[in-house]
Amino acid sequence: MFDNSFNFPHTAPKGYHYEFHTKTSNLCSIWIVFDREFVYNSGSKTSCIWGFYDYKRGDYFAPINSKRKGKQVRIEDTSPYTAMPLNLSILEQCMV
């Protein structure tokens, strides 16, 4: 586990919390964990990759999958649920 010494800017939504795991000497994976239990996994925690953080450079990355980082993202373009930027059409952008 990696402590949140880089002051992650998002607050976990109600019913969730974040976990930070060291991947390499300069990269940590950020996981969002659902606090409730599900029957299908015998009460184990249910988690999803939020993204990655390079704490030496101070950059956030969207995930390709839980093991590989993708493109760099601006923290302003992320949400508390994922680092993947929204792909909105022009009409959808006007509604947000």
Protein backbone atom coordinates (compact mmCIF):
# COMPACT_ATOMS: atom_id res chain seq x y z
CA MET A 1 0.00 0.00 0.00
CA PHE A 2 1.11 3.51 -0.75
CA ASP A 3 0.11 6.39 1.42
CA ASN A 4 -1.65 9.37 -0.10
CA SER A 5 1.32 11.67 0.39
CA PHE A 6 0.60 13.41 -2.93
CA ASN A 7 -2.80 14.70 -1.71
CA PHE A 8 -5.17 13.08 -4.20
CA PRO A 9 -7.60 15.88 -5.17
CA HIS A 10 -10.83 13.86 -5.45
CA THR A 11 -13.02 12.94 -2.51
CA ALA A 12 -14.39 9.42 -2.67
CA PRO A 13 -18.12 9.28 -3.46
CA LYS A 14 -20.47 8.09 -0.71
CA GLY A 15 -20.05 4.34 -0.21
CA TYR A 16 -16.57 4.22 -1.76
CA HIS A 17 -12.98 4.75 -0.68
CA TYR A 18 -9.63 4.92 -2.48
CA GLU A 19 -6.63 2.62 -2.14
CA PHE A 20 -3.15 3.47 -3.39
CA HIS A 21 -0.72 0.70 -4.41
CA THR A 22 2.92 1.14 -5.39
CA LYS A 23 3.57 -0.26 -8.89
CA THR A 24 7.17 0.85 -9.51
CA SER A 25 9.59 3.21 -7.82
CA ASN A 26 7.76 6.22 -9.25
CA LEU A 27 4.27 4.96 -10.18
CA CYS A 28 1.28 4.17 -8.03
CA SER A 29 -2.08 2.71 -9.02
CA ILE A 30 -5.21 4.31 -7.60
CA TRP A 31 -8.18 2.02 -6.94
CA ILE A 32 -11.76 2.96 -6.10
CA VAL A 33 -13.30 0.41 -3.74
CA PHE A 34 -17.03 -0.13 -3.16
CA ASP A 35 -17.70 -0.47 0.58
CA ARG A 36 -20.70 -2.81 0.40
CA GLU A 37 -20.47 -6.57 0.03
CA PHE A 38 -21.77 -8.61 -2.90
CA VAL A 39 -23.00 -12.19 -2.68
CA TYR A 40 -21.25 -13.27 -5.92
CA ASN A 41 -17.75 -12.71 -4.50
CA SER A 42 -18.38 -14.07 -0.98
CA GLY A 43 -18.15 -10.64 0.61
CA SER A 44 -14.70 -9.78 -0.76
CA LYS A 45 -14.05 -6.17 -1.60
CA THR A 46 -15.09 -4.96 -5.04
CA SER A 47 -12.59 -2.59 -6.61
CA CYS A 48 -11.92 -0.94 -9.94
CA ILE A 49 -8.82 0.81 -11.23
CA TRP A 50 -9.22 4.60 -11.13
CA GLY A 51 -5.93 5.43 -12.80
CA PHE A 52 -2.22 5.89 -12.18
CA TYR A 53 -0.09 8.62 -10.63
CA ASP A 54 3.58 9.32 -11.30
CA TYR A 55 4.57 10.94 -8.02
CA LYS A 56 8.04 12.01 -9.23
CA ARG A 57 6.60 14.00 -12.16
CA GLY A 58 3.20 14.74 -10.59
CA ASP A 59 1.23 13.43 -13.60
CA TYR A 60 -2.00 11.40 -13.72
CA PHE A 61 -2.67 8.71 -16.33
CA ALA A 62 -5.85 7.02 -17.52
CA PRO A 63 -5.73 3.22 -17.32
CA ILE A 64 -5.57 0.88 -20.31
CA ASN A 65 -6.26 -1.94 -17.88
CA SER A 66 -5.39 -2.59 -14.24
CA LYS A 67 -1.73 -3.24 -15.05
CA ARG A 68 -0.94 -0.70 -17.81
CA LYS A 69 -1.12 3.07 -17.77
CA GLY A 70 -2.49 4.90 -20.76
CA LYS A 71 -2.34 8.52 -21.85
CA GLN A 72 -1.59 11.38 -19.50
CA VAL A 73 -4.72 13.26 -18.37
CA ARG A 74 -5.35 16.59 -16.71
CA ILE A 75 -6.83 16.12 -13.25
CA GLU A 76 -9.53 18.67 -14.16
CA ASP A 77 -10.78 16.28 -16.87
CA THR A 78 -11.22 13.35 -14.48
CA SER A 79 -14.07 12.41 -12.17
CA PRO A 80 -14.11 10.83 -8.71
CA TYR A 81 -14.99 7.51 -10.40
CA THR A 82 -12.33 7.30 -13.14
CA ALA A 83 -9.35 9.02 -14.72
CA MET A 84 -10.67 8.25 -18.20
CA PRO A 85 -11.84 11.50 -19.80
CA LEU A 86 -15.42 11.63 -21.02
CA ASN A 87 -15.86 11.32 -24.77
CA LEU A 88 -18.82 13.64 -25.24
CA SER A 89 -20.41 14.73 -28.51
CA ILE A 90 -20.84 18.45 -29.17
CA LEU A 91 -24.50 18.26 -28.12
CA GLU A 92 -23.62 16.43 -24.90
CA GLN A 93 -20.94 19.02 -24.12
CA CYS A 94 -23.57 21.77 -24.29
CA MET A 95 -25.77 19.94 -21.77
CA VAL A 96 -23.05 19.48 -19.16
